[in-house]
Amino acid sequence: MIVVLKFLPFFTTMLGGFVALRAQRKLHIVYGVAAGAMLGLVAFHLLPEFAEFDGPALGGVPLPYILLVGAFLAMFVLEELIGPHPADADEGGEHRHPHVGLVGAGALVLHSFLDGLAIGIGFSVSDAIGIAILIAVLAHDFADGMTTAVIMRRHGNTAGRTWALVTAGAVAPVIGAFVGGWLDLSETWVIGYAGFFAGTLIYFATRDLIPGARQGGTARVAFLTITGGVVLMWLLSAAGI
């Protein structure tokens, strides 16, 4: 039975990707909700974990906070390096950089793998703990599947490539769940990665998704959808998910 449960994140992630890709005419709504969910995930789920981190620090600043800022700056530099030539910019229109989307989606795939590790480690402790973590991951992986698809399409990647990354994100937690049954990761490694992941989330939410939510609709709709995503993550946090 536990083996079957470990496959559930695959389906919720694929469902999230499907919802994002089918909502082409309402994609600005998906952008807004995804941006809000990203900001809410950082504020209500990741930052509280960083506050309890008792590990390496640089200049008195804990490692995850440094990696958060470093990831944000790294994404900015990466986008500038592989951005359009000046002639392209003169043509106007929206700039799309598929490789940047791949980096962001790849970070989400790795995050999903770590979610799976948490499931496997939880079940190795007890069935009750494993199921509790599984429920949390199922809720998050739906958002991850949607966010992966949004990031890929936002940066001009093809539908085929987008589905490949969504599928990778769906498979990752399943693999992680089985690996997590025997692999013991240190807190420093996990929290350090979480800091880097938080930086990428903030970058994509503020640089890509919020502008996308505004371009496709009114400022009011953008505000409501972004707020909806934030409130959703707050409710999950308040429920202990």
C-alpha atoms as a PDB file:
ATOM      1  CA  MET A   1       0.000   0.000   0.000  1.00  0.00           C
ATOM      2  CA  ILE A   2       2.804   2.413   0.882  1.00  0.00           C
ATOM      3  CA  VAL A   3       4.444   1.687  -2.471  1.00  0.00           C
ATOM      4  CA  VAL A   4       1.242   2.744  -4.252  1.00  0.00           C
ATOM      5  CA  LEU A   5       0.985   5.952  -2.193  1.00  0.00           C
ATOM      6  CA  LYS A   6       4.482   6.996  -3.281  1.00  0.00           C
ATOM      7  CA  PHE A   7       3.260   7.225  -6.887  1.00  0.00           C
ATOM      8  CA  LEU A   8       0.497   9.748  -6.123  1.00  0.00           C
ATOM      9  CA  PRO A   9       2.690  12.894  -6.562  1.00  0.00           C
ATOM     10  CA  PHE A  10       3.142  11.935 -10.221  1.00  0.00           C
ATOM     11  CA  PHE A  11      -0.553  12.419 -10.928  1.00  0.00           C
ATOM     12  CA  THR A  12      -1.006  15.682  -9.009  1.00  0.00           C
ATOM     13  CA  THR A  13       2.029  17.229 -10.737  1.00  0.00           C
ATOM     14  CA  MET A  14       0.807  16.197 -14.188  1.00  0.00           C
ATOM     15  CA  LEU A  15      -2.650  17.573 -13.362  1.00  0.00           C
ATOM     16  CA  GLY A  16      -1.126  20.934 -12.427  1.00  0.00           C
ATOM     17  CA  GLY A  17       0.771  21.062 -15.723  1.00  0.00           C
ATOM     18  CA  PHE A  18      -2.358  20.109 -17.650  1.00  0.00           C
ATOM     19  CA  VAL A  19      -4.394  22.895 -16.035  1.00  0.00           C
ATOM     20  CA  ALA A  20      -1.723  25.476 -16.884  1.00  0.00           C
ATOM     21  CA  LEU A  21      -1.357  24.405 -20.519  1.00  0.00           C
ATOM     22  CA  ARG A  22      -5.092  24.141 -21.177  1.00  0.00           C
ATOM     23  CA  ALA A  23      -5.783  27.644 -19.883  1.00  0.00           C
ATOM     24  CA  GLN A  24      -4.113  29.476 -22.776  1.00  0.00           C
ATOM     25  CA  ARG A  25      -6.798  32.174 -23.112  1.00  0.00           C
ATOM     26  CA  LYS A  26      -6.799  32.727 -19.373  1.00  0.00           C
ATOM     27  CA  LEU A  27      -3.074  32.290 -18.932  1.00  0.00           C
ATOM     28  CA  HIS A  28      -2.734  35.674 -17.226  1.00  0.00           C
ATOM     29  CA  ILE A  29      -4.882  34.257 -14.406  1.00  0.00           C
ATOM     30  CA  VAL A  30      -2.588  31.254 -14.108  1.00  0.00           C
ATOM     31  CA  TYR A  31       0.417  33.604 -14.057  1.00  0.00           C
ATOM     32  CA  GLY A  32      -1.119  35.601 -11.217  1.00  0.00           C
ATOM     33  CA  VAL A  33      -2.032  32.584  -9.093  1.00  0.00           C
ATOM     34  CA  ALA A  34       1.369  30.975  -9.724  1.00  0.00           C
ATOM     35  CA  ALA A  35       3.201  34.191  -8.775  1.00  0.00           C
ATOM     36  CA  GLY A  36       1.197  34.497  -5.581  1.00  0.00           C
ATOM     37  CA  ALA A  37       1.790  30.841  -4.752  1.00  0.00           C
ATOM     38  CA  MET A  38       5.541  31.331  -5.245  1.00  0.00           C
ATOM     39  CA  LEU A  39       5.638  34.352  -2.945  1.00  0.00           C
ATOM     40  CA  GLY A  40       3.461  32.597  -0.385  1.00  0.00           C
ATOM     41  CA  LEU A  41       5.618  29.480  -0.472  1.00  0.00           C
ATOM     42  CA  VAL A  42       8.715  31.546   0.274  1.00  0.00           C
ATOM     43  CA  ALA A  43       7.082  33.674   2.983  1.00  0.00           C
ATOM     44  CA  PHE A  44       5.038  31.060   4.819  1.00  0.00           C
ATOM     45  CA  HIS A  45       6.909  27.804   4.236  1.00  0.00           C
ATOM     46  CA  LEU A  46      10.589  28.432   3.509  1.00  0.00           C
ATOM     47  CA  LEU A  47      11.544  31.529   5.523  1.00  0.00           C
ATOM     48  CA  PRO A  48      10.242  30.054   8.801  1.00  0.00           C
ATOM     49  CA  GLU A  49      12.510  27.051   8.219  1.00  0.00           C
ATOM     50  CA  PHE A  50      15.491  29.362   7.633  1.00  0.00           C
ATOM     51  CA  ALA A  51      14.816  31.141  10.926  1.00  0.00           C
ATOM     52  CA  GLU A  52      15.322  27.861  12.790  1.00  0.00           C
ATOM     53  CA  PHE A  53      18.488  26.949  10.868  1.00  0.00           C
ATOM     54  CA  ASP A  54      21.509  26.438  13.104  1.00  0.00           C
ATOM     55  CA  GLY A  55      24.282  25.867  10.609  1.00  0.00           C
ATOM     56  CA  PRO A  56      26.999  27.611   8.584  1.00  0.00           C
ATOM     57  CA  ALA A  57      26.922  31.399   8.280  1.00  0.00           C
ATOM     58  CA  LEU A  58      28.966  33.999   6.425  1.00  0.00           C
ATOM     59  CA  GLY A  59      29.528  37.342   8.101  1.00  0.00           C
ATOM     60  CA  GLY A  60      26.869  36.462  10.624  1.00  0.00           C
ATOM     61  CA  VAL A  61      24.270  35.772   7.913  1.00  0.00           C
ATOM     62  CA  PRO A  62      22.927  32.178   7.792  1.00  0.00           C
ATOM     63  CA  LEU A  63      23.724  30.216   4.616  1.00  0.00           C
ATOM     64  CA  PRO A  64      20.148  29.902   3.242  1.00  0.00           C
ATOM     65  CA  TYR A  65      19.660  33.685   3.180  1.00  0.00           C
ATOM     66  CA  ILE A  66      22.935  34.155   1.310  1.00  0.00           C
ATOM     67  CA  LEU A  67      21.961  31.504  -1.215  1.00  0.00           C
ATOM     68  CA  LEU A  68      18.546  33.134  -1.637  1.00  0.00           C
ATOM     69  CA  VAL A  69      20.098  36.433  -2.714  1.00  0.00           C
ATOM     70  CA  GLY A  70      22.786  34.645  -4.722  1.00  0.00           C
ATOM     71  CA  ALA A  71      20.173  32.673  -6.671  1.00  0.00           C
ATOM     72  CA  PHE A  72      18.191  35.831  -7.464  1.00  0.00           C
ATOM     73  CA  LEU A  73      21.297  37.604  -8.768  1.00  0.00           C
ATOM     74  CA  ALA A  74      22.429  34.510 -10.666  1.00  0.00           C
ATOM     75  CA  MET A  75      19.099  34.294 -12.480  1.00  0.00           C
ATOM     76  CA  PHE A  76      19.332  37.972 -13.398  1.00  0.00           C
ATOM     77  CA  VAL A  77      22.853  37.548 -14.800  1.00  0.00           C
ATOM     78  CA  LEU A  78      21.863  34.379 -16.657  1.00  0.00           C
ATOM     79  CA  GLU A  79      18.919  36.068 -18.324  1.00  0.00           C
ATOM     80  CA  GLU A  80      21.056  39.026 -19.363  1.00  0.00           C
ATOM     81  CA  LEU A  81      23.799  36.792 -20.777  1.00  0.00           C
ATOM     82  CA  ILE A  82      21.482  34.768 -22.990  1.00  0.00           C
ATOM     83  CA  GLY A  83      19.042  37.574 -23.707  1.00  0.00           C
ATOM     84  CA  PRO A  84      18.283  39.055 -27.139  1.00  0.00           C
ATOM     85  CA  HIS A  85      20.684  41.152 -29.156  1.00  0.00           C
ATOM     86  CA  PRO A  86      20.081  44.915 -29.256  1.00  0.00           C
ATOM     87  CA  ALA A  87      18.463  44.552 -32.687  1.00  0.00           C
ATOM     88  CA  ASP A  88      15.932  42.141 -31.222  1.00  0.00           C
ATOM     89  CA  ALA A  89      15.109  44.580 -28.452  1.00  0.00           C
ATOM     90  CA  ASP A  90      14.472  47.314 -30.994  1.00  0.00           C
ATOM     91  CA  GLU A  91      11.728  45.241 -32.563  1.00  0.00           C
ATOM     92  CA  GLY A  92       9.700  45.556 -29.389  1.00  0.00           C
ATOM     93  CA  GLY A  93       7.492  42.877 -27.947  1.00  0.00           C
ATOM     94  CA  GLU A  94       8.058  40.450 -25.168  1.00  0.00           C
ATOM     95  CA  HIS A  95      11.528  38.933 -24.713  1.00  0.00           C
ATOM     96  CA  ARG A  96      11.539  35.193 -24.195  1.00  0.00           C
ATOM     97  CA  HIS A  97      14.554  33.103 -23.307  1.00  0.00           C
ATOM     98  CA  PRO A  98      13.867  29.335 -23.372  1.00  0.00           C
ATOM     99  CA  HIS A  99      17.093  28.450 -21.539  1.00  0.00           C
ATOM    100  CA  VAL A 100      16.114  30.615 -18.600  1.00  0.00           C
ATOM    101  CA  GLY A 101      12.829  28.753 -18.415  1.00  0.00           C
ATOM    102  CA  LEU A 102      14.725  25.471 -18.421  1.00  0.00           C
ATOM    103  CA  VAL A 103      16.844  26.590 -15.471  1.00  0.00           C
ATOM    104  CA  GLY A 104      13.809  27.643 -13.452  1.00  0.00           C
ATOM    105  CA  ALA A 105      11.858  24.512 -14.313  1.00  0.00           C
ATOM    106  CA  GLY A 106      14.925  22.405 -13.551  1.00  0.00           C
ATOM    107  CA  ALA A 107      15.097  23.940 -10.091  1.00  0.00           C
ATOM    108  CA  LEU A 108      11.465  22.945  -9.565  1.00  0.00           C
ATOM    109  CA  VAL A 109      12.252  19.380 -10.660  1.00  0.00           C
ATOM    110  CA  LEU A 110      15.047  19.185  -8.094  1.00  0.00           C
ATOM    111  CA  HIS A 111      12.707  20.654  -5.486  1.00  0.00           C
ATOM    112  CA  SER A 112      10.155  17.952  -6.313  1.00  0.00           C
ATOM    113  CA  PHE A 113      12.839  15.302  -5.875  1.00  0.00           C
ATOM    114  CA  LEU A 114      13.547  16.676  -2.399  1.00  0.00           C
ATOM    115  CA  ASP A 115       9.812  16.558  -1.658  1.00  0.00           C
ATOM    116  CA  GLY A 116       9.933  12.890  -2.549  1.00  0.00           C
ATOM    117  CA  LEU A 117      12.898  12.334  -0.270  1.00  0.00           C
ATOM    118  CA  ALA A 118      10.850  13.798   2.567  1.00  0.00           C
ATOM    119  CA  ILE A 119       8.068  11.304   1.839  1.00  0.00           C
ATOM    120  CA  GLY A 120      10.471   8.360   1.873  1.00  0.00           C
ATOM    121  CA  ILE A 121      12.186   9.503   5.070  1.00  0.00           C
ATOM    122  CA  GLY A 122       8.789  10.081   6.703  1.00  0.00           C
ATOM    123  CA  PHE A 123       7.566   6.565   5.925  1.00  0.00           C
ATOM    124  CA  SER A 124      10.841   5.148   7.243  1.00  0.00           C
ATOM    125  CA  VAL A 125       9.995   6.734  10.614  1.00  0.00           C
ATOM    126  CA  SER A 126       6.305   5.766  10.730  1.00  0.00           C
ATOM    127  CA  ASP A 127       3.296   5.354   8.442  1.00  0.00           C
ATOM    128  CA  ALA A 128       1.496   8.266  10.143  1.00  0.00           C
ATOM    129  CA  ILE A 129       4.385  10.682   9.537  1.00  0.00           C
ATOM    130  CA  GLY A 130       4.816   9.457   5.972  1.00  0.00           C
ATOM    131  CA  ILE A 131       1.130  10.018   5.152  1.00  0.00           C
ATOM    132  CA  ALA A 132       1.170  13.498   6.717  1.00  0.00           C
ATOM    133  CA  ILE A 133       4.173  14.504   4.579  1.00  0.00           C
ATOM    134  CA  LEU A 134       2.592  12.876   1.524  1.00  0.00           C
ATOM    135  CA  ILE A 135      -0.547  15.010   1.868  1.00  0.00           C
ATOM    136  CA  ALA A 136       1.586  18.154   2.066  1.00  0.00           C
ATOM    137  CA  VAL A 137       3.604  17.145  -1.005  1.00  0.00           C
ATOM    138  CA  LEU A 138       0.464  16.361  -3.021  1.00  0.00           C
ATOM    139  CA  ALA A 139      -0.842  19.867  -2.378  1.00  0.00           C
ATOM    140  CA  HIS A 140       2.481  21.462  -3.281  1.00  0.00           C
ATOM    141  CA  ASP A 141       3.163  19.294  -6.331  1.00  0.00           C
ATOM    142  CA  PHE A 142      -0.035  20.420  -8.033  1.00  0.00           C
ATOM    143  CA  ALA A 143       1.254  23.979  -7.752  1.00  0.00           C
ATOM    144  CA  ASP A 144       4.729  22.824  -8.847  1.00  0.00           C
ATOM    145  CA  GLY A 145       3.331  21.210 -11.998  1.00  0.00           C
ATOM    146  CA  MET A 146       1.403  24.354 -12.834  1.00  0.00           C
ATOM    147  CA  THR A 147       4.385  26.592 -12.083  1.00  0.00           C
ATOM    148  CA  THR A 148       6.764  24.462 -14.168  1.00  0.00           C
ATOM    149  CA  ALA A 149       4.456  24.690 -17.181  1.00  0.00           C
ATOM    150  CA  VAL A 150       3.976  28.422 -16.709  1.00  0.00           C
ATOM    151  CA  ILE A 151       7.704  29.147 -16.463  1.00  0.00           C
ATOM    152  CA  MET A 152       8.491  27.059 -19.540  1.00  0.00           C
ATOM    153  CA  ARG A 153       5.772  28.612 -21.695  1.00  0.00           C
ATOM    154  CA  ARG A 154       6.444  32.106 -20.372  1.00  0.00           C
ATOM    155  CA  HIS A 155       9.984  31.837 -21.756  1.00  0.00           C
ATOM    156  CA  GLY A 156       8.878  30.580 -25.163  1.00  0.00           C
ATOM    157  CA  ASN A 157       9.580  26.869 -24.813  1.00  0.00           C
ATOM    158  CA  THR A 158       7.609  24.490 -27.027  1.00  0.00           C
ATOM    159  CA  ALA A 159       4.675  22.480 -25.704  1.00  0.00           C
ATOM    160  CA  GLY A 160       6.697  19.281 -26.170  1.00  0.00           C
ATOM    161  CA  ARG A 161       9.625  20.563 -24.157  1.00  0.00           C
ATOM    162  CA  THR A 162       7.247  21.920 -21.537  1.00  0.00           C
ATOM    163  CA  TRP A 163       5.561  18.549 -21.119  1.00  0.00           C
ATOM    164  CA  ALA A 164       8.979  16.906 -20.853  1.00  0.00           C
ATOM    165  CA  LEU A 165       9.870  19.121 -17.888  1.00  0.00           C
ATOM    166  CA  VAL A 166       6.444  18.690 -16.286  1.00  0.00           C
ATOM    167  CA  THR A 167       6.825  14.917 -16.638  1.00  0.00           C
ATOM    168  CA  ALA A 168      10.315  15.097 -15.138  1.00  0.00           C
ATOM    169  CA  GLY A 169       8.843  17.068 -12.239  1.00  0.00           C
ATOM    170  CA  ALA A 170       6.155  14.409 -11.840  1.00  0.00           C
ATOM    171  CA  VAL A 171       8.617  11.517 -11.840  1.00  0.00           C
ATOM    172  CA  ALA A 172      11.121  13.245  -9.535  1.00  0.00           C
ATOM    173  CA  PRO A 173       9.139  12.959  -6.265  1.00  0.00           C
ATOM    174  CA  VAL A 174       8.361   9.315  -6.973  1.00  0.00           C
ATOM    175  CA  ILE A 175      12.062   8.540  -7.354  1.00  0.00           C
ATOM    176  CA  GLY A 176      12.821  10.670  -4.312  1.00  0.00           C
ATOM    177  CA  ALA A 177      10.229   8.824  -2.240  1.00  0.00           C
ATOM    178  CA  PHE A 178      11.951   5.495  -2.870  1.00  0.00           C
ATOM    179  CA  VAL A 179      15.464   6.897  -2.454  1.00  0.00           C
ATOM    180  CA  GLY A 180      14.431   8.677   0.743  1.00  0.00           C
ATOM    181  CA  GLY A 181      13.745   5.343   2.386  1.00  0.00           C
ATOM    182  CA  TRP A 182      17.467   4.735   2.741  1.00  0.00           C
ATOM    183  CA  LEU A 183      19.252   8.048   2.043  1.00  0.00           C
ATOM    184  CA  ASP A 184      19.999  10.346   4.995  1.00  0.00           C
ATOM    185  CA  LEU A 185      20.532  13.985   3.912  1.00  0.00           C
ATOM    186  CA  SER A 186      22.065  16.530   6.255  1.00  0.00           C
ATOM    187  CA  GLU A 187      20.015  19.534   7.372  1.00  0.00           C
ATOM    188  CA  THR A 188      22.660  21.906   6.013  1.00  0.00           C
ATOM    189  CA  TRP A 189      22.355  20.503   2.494  1.00  0.00           C
ATOM    190  CA  VAL A 190      18.551  20.514   2.434  1.00  0.00           C
ATOM    191  CA  ILE A 191      18.093  23.976   3.961  1.00  0.00           C
ATOM    192  CA  GLY A 192      20.904  25.386   1.814  1.00  0.00           C
ATOM    193  CA  TYR A 193      19.165  24.211  -1.330  1.00  0.00           C
ATOM    194  CA  ALA A 194      15.868  25.570  -0.019  1.00  0.00           C
ATOM    195  CA  GLY A 195      17.515  28.995   0.196  1.00  0.00           C
ATOM    196  CA  PHE A 196      18.658  28.806  -3.424  1.00  0.00           C
ATOM    197  CA  PHE A 197      15.210  27.619  -4.481  1.00  0.00           C
ATOM    198  CA  ALA A 198      13.566  30.537  -2.662  1.00  0.00           C
ATOM    199  CA  GLY A 199      15.722  32.974  -4.623  1.00  0.00           C
ATOM    200  CA  THR A 200      14.645  31.484  -7.949  1.00  0.00           C
ATOM    201  CA  LEU A 201      10.993  31.625  -6.895  1.00  0.00           C
ATOM    202  CA  ILE A 202      11.195  35.309  -5.995  1.00  0.00           C
ATOM    203  CA  TYR A 203      12.960  36.082  -9.280  1.00  0.00           C
ATOM    204  CA  PHE A 204      10.428  34.342 -11.494  1.00  0.00           C
ATOM    205  CA  ALA A 205       7.453  35.694  -9.542  1.00  0.00           C
ATOM    206  CA  THR A 206       8.587  39.323  -9.706  1.00  0.00           C
ATOM    207  CA  ARG A 207      10.428  39.391 -13.040  1.00  0.00           C
ATOM    208  CA  ASP A 208       8.237  37.151 -15.189  1.00  0.00           C
ATOM    209  CA  LEU A 209       4.908  36.055 -13.764  1.00  0.00           C
ATOM    210  CA  ILE A 210       3.590  39.264 -12.202  1.00  0.00           C
ATOM    211  CA  PRO A 211       4.276  41.265 -15.418  1.00  0.00           C
ATOM    212  CA  GLY A 212       2.604  38.432 -17.354  1.00  0.00           C
ATOM    213  CA  ALA A 213      -0.460  38.600 -15.123  1.00  0.00           C
ATOM    214  CA  ARG A 214      -0.705  42.341 -15.743  1.00  0.00           C
ATOM    215  CA  GLN A 215      -0.219  42.145 -19.524  1.00  0.00           C
ATOM    216  CA  GLY A 216      -3.029  39.674 -20.106  1.00  0.00           C
ATOM    217  CA  GLY A 217      -5.672  41.443 -18.037  1.00  0.00           C
ATOM    218  CA  THR A 218      -6.399  44.419 -15.831  1.00  0.00           C
ATOM    219  CA  ALA A 219      -4.442  45.508 -12.790  1.00  0.00           C
ATOM    220  CA  ARG A 220      -7.423  44.536 -10.644  1.00  0.00           C
ATOM    221  CA  VAL A 221      -7.515  40.987 -11.977  1.00  0.00           C
ATOM    222  CA  ALA A 222      -3.743  40.696 -11.543  1.00  0.00           C
ATOM    223  CA  PHE A 223      -3.983  41.864  -7.933  1.00  0.00           C
ATOM    224  CA  LEU A 224      -6.821  39.473  -7.131  1.00  0.00           C
ATOM    225  CA  THR A 225      -5.140  36.430  -8.691  1.00  0.00           C
ATOM    226  CA  ILE A 226      -1.769  37.145  -7.067  1.00  0.00           C
ATOM    227  CA  THR A 227      -3.479  37.670  -3.718  1.00  0.00           C
ATOM    228  CA  GLY A 228      -5.405  34.443  -4.254  1.00  0.00           C
ATOM    229  CA  GLY A 229      -2.178  32.507  -4.728  1.00  0.00           C
ATOM    230  CA  VAL A 230      -0.672  34.053  -1.591  1.00  0.00           C
ATOM    231  CA  VAL A 231      -3.789  33.311   0.468  1.00  0.00           C
ATOM    232  CA  LEU A 232      -3.818  29.721  -0.788  1.00  0.00           C
ATOM    233  CA  MET A 233      -0.289  29.132   0.472  1.00  0.00           C
ATOM    234  CA  TRP A 234      -1.124  30.876   3.755  1.00  0.00           C
ATOM    235  CA  LEU A 235      -4.119  28.566   4.258  1.00  0.00           C
ATOM    236  CA  LEU A 236      -1.944  25.526   3.579  1.00  0.00           C
ATOM    237  CA  SER A 237       0.600  26.807   6.080  1.00  0.00           C
ATOM    238  CA  ALA A 238      -2.091  27.541   8.681  1.00  0.00           C
ATOM    239  CA  ALA A 239      -3.396  24.005   8.210  1.00  0.00           C
ATOM    240  CA  GLY A 240       0.081  22.630   8.814  1.00  0.00           C
ATOM    241  CA  ILE A 241       0.503  21.526   5.198  1.00  0.00           C
END
